[in-house]
Protein backbone atom coordinates (compact mmCIF):
# COMPACT_ATOMS: atom_id res chain seq x y z
CA UNK A 1 0.29 0.02 -0.20
CA UNK A 2 1.29 3.42 -0.92
CA UNK A 3 2.07 6.16 1.62
CA UNK A 4 -1.38 8.57 2.22
CA UNK A 5 -1.28 12.42 3.42
CA UNK A 6 -3.27 15.15 3.76
CA UNK A 7 -2.52 16.73 0.25
CA UNK A 8 -2.09 13.83 -1.85
CA UNK A 9 -5.76 13.35 -2.99
CA UNK A 10 -5.34 17.64 -4.54
CA UNK A 11 -1.86 16.29 -6.02
CA UNK A 12 -3.76 13.71 -7.43
CA UNK A 13 -6.85 15.61 -8.49
CA UNK A 14 -4.22 17.99 -10.95
CA UNK A 15 -1.77 14.77 -11.90
CA UNK A 16 -5.48 13.09 -13.13
CA UNK A 17 -6.57 15.92 -15.04
CA UNK A 18 -2.25 16.72 -16.82
CA UNK A 19 -2.76 12.61 -17.35
CA UNK A 20 -5.87 13.16 -19.06
CA UNK A 21 -4.82 16.28 -21.41
CA UNK A 22 -1.59 13.82 -22.52
CA UNK A 23 -3.18 10.83 -22.92
CA UNK A 24 -2.32 9.14 -25.90
CA UNK A 25 0.83 11.20 -27.23
CA UNK A 26 4.01 9.94 -28.03
CA UNK A 27 7.07 10.44 -25.67
CA UNK A 28 8.95 13.10 -27.68
CA UNK A 29 10.08 16.42 -27.94
CA UNK A 30 6.18 17.80 -28.94
CA UNK A 31 4.84 16.21 -25.39
CA UNK A 32 7.86 18.63 -24.00
CA UNK A 33 6.82 21.26 -25.31
CA UNK A 34 3.57 20.65 -24.55
CA UNK A 35 4.04 20.26 -21.14
CA UNK A 36 6.07 23.20 -20.47
CA UNK A 37 3.59 25.63 -22.09
CA UNK A 38 0.55 24.16 -20.44
CA UNK A 39 2.06 23.27 -16.93
CA UNK A 40 5.70 24.78 -16.71
CA UNK A 41 7.09 27.70 -15.18
CA UNK A 42 4.70 30.17 -14.56
CA UNK A 43 1.52 28.50 -14.63
CA UNK A 44 -0.88 27.53 -11.84
CA UNK A 45 -0.36 24.11 -12.64
CA UNK A 46 3.34 23.57 -11.86
CA UNK A 47 3.35 26.06 -8.60
CA UNK A 48 0.45 24.06 -7.20
CA UNK A 49 2.25 20.72 -8.22
CA UNK A 50 5.47 21.99 -6.54
CA UNK A 51 4.24 22.98 -3.86
CA UNK A 52 2.11 19.56 -3.03
CA UNK A 53 5.22 18.05 -3.70
CA UNK A 54 6.89 19.75 -0.79
CA UNK A 55 4.08 19.29 1.42
CA UNK A 56 4.05 15.27 0.63
CA UNK A 57 7.58 15.60 1.54
CA UNK A 58 6.64 16.25 4.83
CA UNK A 59 3.71 14.19 5.07
CA UNK A 60 5.48 10.90 3.76
CA UNK A 61 4.06 10.45 0.63
CA UNK A 62 6.95 11.59 -1.88
CA UNK A 63 10.26 10.65 -1.88
CA UNK A 64 9.99 8.60 0.94
CA UNK A 65 12.58 5.89 0.71
CA UNK A 66 16.38 6.63 1.00
CA UNK A 67 18.07 5.04 -1.71
CA UNK A 68 21.27 6.72 -0.96
CA UNK A 69 20.98 8.87 2.43
CA UNK A 70 18.38 12.09 2.95
CA UNK A 71 20.44 13.45 -0.39
CA UNK A 72 18.73 10.41 -2.80
CA UNK A 73 15.19 9.22 -1.72
CA UNK A 74 12.60 7.75 -4.04
CA UNK A 75 8.80 7.48 -3.66
CA UNK A 76 5.92 6.00 -5.77
CA UNK A 77 2.66 8.16 -5.42
CA UNK A 78 0.57 5.97 -7.47
CA UNK A 79 0.48 2.74 -9.49
CA UNK A 80 -0.61 2.77 -13.36
CA UNK A 81 -4.03 2.96 -14.17
CA UNK A 82 -6.67 5.18 -16.11
CA UNK A 83 -6.70 7.78 -13.80
CA UNK A 84 -2.66 8.28 -14.87
CA UNK A 85 -3.04 6.92 -18.79
CA UNK A 86 -1.45 4.23 -17.21
CA UNK A 87 1.37 5.80 -15.89
CA UNK A 88 2.93 5.04 -12.18
CA UNK A 89 3.39 7.91 -11.23
CA UNK A 90 7.10 8.57 -8.89
CA UNK A 91 9.29 11.13 -6.73
CA UNK A 92 12.53 11.70 -6.28
CA UNK A 93 14.31 13.92 -3.57
CA UNK A 94 18.16 14.53 -5.20
CA UNK A 95 21.29 16.70 -4.51
CA UNK A 96 24.31 16.16 -6.43
CA UNK A 97 23.62 12.62 -7.49
CA UNK A 98 24.46 11.00 -10.20
CA UNK A 99 21.95 8.43 -9.39
CA UNK A 100 21.47 4.67 -11.00
CA UNK A 101 22.08 3.88 -14.39
CA UNK A 102 18.72 2.68 -15.46
CA UNK A 103 16.45 2.32 -19.25
CA UNK A 104 13.43 3.85 -19.63
CA UNK A 105 12.04 1.27 -21.40
CA UNK A 106 8.90 2.88 -22.70
CA UNK A 107 9.70 5.89 -22.12
CA UNK A 108 10.10 9.01 -18.88
CA UNK A 109 8.46 12.03 -18.22
CA UNK A 110 10.06 14.37 -15.78
CA UNK A 111 9.28 17.45 -14.37
CA UNK A 112 12.08 19.40 -12.67
CA UNK A 113 11.53 21.67 -9.62
CA UNK A 114 14.86 23.25 -8.51
CA UNK A 115 15.02 23.85 -4.44
CA UNK A 116 17.96 25.73 -4.69
CA UNK A 117 19.55 28.53 -7.47
CA UNK A 118 20.99 26.68 -10.53
CA UNK A 119 19.57 23.09 -9.67
CA UNK A 120 19.23 20.95 -12.15
CA UNK A 121 18.44 17.32 -13.74
CA UNK A 122 20.63 16.10 -16.72
CA UNK A 123 21.49 19.89 -17.37
CA UNK A 124 17.45 21.19 -17.24
CA UNK A 125 16.25 23.39 -15.06
CA UNK A 126 12.81 24.45 -13.64
CA UNK A 127 10.14 22.69 -16.03
CA UNK A 128 9.18 19.14 -17.92
CA UNK A 129 11.74 17.18 -19.94
CA UNK A 130 10.43 14.01 -21.76
CA UNK A 131 12.68 10.74 -22.62
CA UNK A 132 11.85 8.72 -25.72
CA UNK A 133 11.50 4.65 -24.76
CA UNK A 134 14.83 2.92 -24.89
CA UNK A 135 16.55 5.91 -23.78
CA UNK A 136 19.25 5.36 -21.43
CA UNK A 137 20.97 7.78 -18.81
CA UNK A 138 22.68 8.11 -15.30
CA UNK A 139 20.01 10.33 -13.56
CA UNK A 140 21.59 13.09 -12.51
CA UNK A 141 21.29 16.07 -10.40
CA UNK A 142 23.06 19.03 -9.92
CA UNK A 143 22.37 20.98 -6.37
CA UNK A 144 18.86 20.01 -4.80
CA UNK A 145 15.82 19.48 -6.64
CA UNK A 146 12.49 17.53 -5.89
CA UNK A 147 11.03 15.45 -8.86
CA UNK A 148 8.09 14.05 -10.51
CA UNK A 149 8.54 11.02 -12.94
CA UNK A 150 5.85 9.32 -15.10
CA UNK A 151 6.91 6.17 -16.48
CA UNK A 152 4.55 4.38 -18.89
CA UNK A 153 3.10 1.03 -17.21
CA UNK A 154 5.59 1.83 -14.27
CA UNK A 155 8.21 0.35 -16.21
CA UNK A 156 11.95 1.22 -15.75
CA UNK A 157 14.78 -1.33 -16.14
CA UNK A 158 18.01 -0.73 -13.08
CA UNK A 159 21.09 -2.38 -15.81
CA UNK A 160 25.00 -2.01 -15.78
CA UNK A 161 26.12 1.04 -17.70
CA UNK A 162 27.94 0.57 -21.15
CA UNK A 163 31.53 0.61 -20.05
CA UNK A 164 31.83 3.70 -22.38
CA UNK A 165 29.77 5.29 -19.40
CA UNK A 166 31.69 4.17 -16.53
CA UNK A 167 34.39 7.05 -16.04
CA UNK A 168 31.80 9.53 -16.51
């Protein structure tokens, strides 16, 4: 059973609306553009999701599992289902972390919420980034950021990085 909290339902109401709006869209640059225009920095949705995510950290339903101490935490917020357009809803709270290498087998949608000036995720600041199916990377955060992840079918494959990336 996933953790609950006082503000989780308000958060999920916004997430369900967002997921309904993007249902069926391919995970590509056009989706990132759409999200940044309609749900990006400066929009009411972005600000509300950001504040509710921070409350979720305090209430224990966001980024509640320590991966490598308090500076690298993750946590599932919602299982894949109709209301989330078949995607799981995940969270992360990271500071100066090079995370576990993985493959986005069915793609990934990320909302980046910098918690300090200059914080970024894989070079991207506040806003939305979309990774297409079969893309791979080390999730890398500089500074401190709160993350919202959407995984189609809840799929992600943690694996060993290619030898060419081991020294980076």
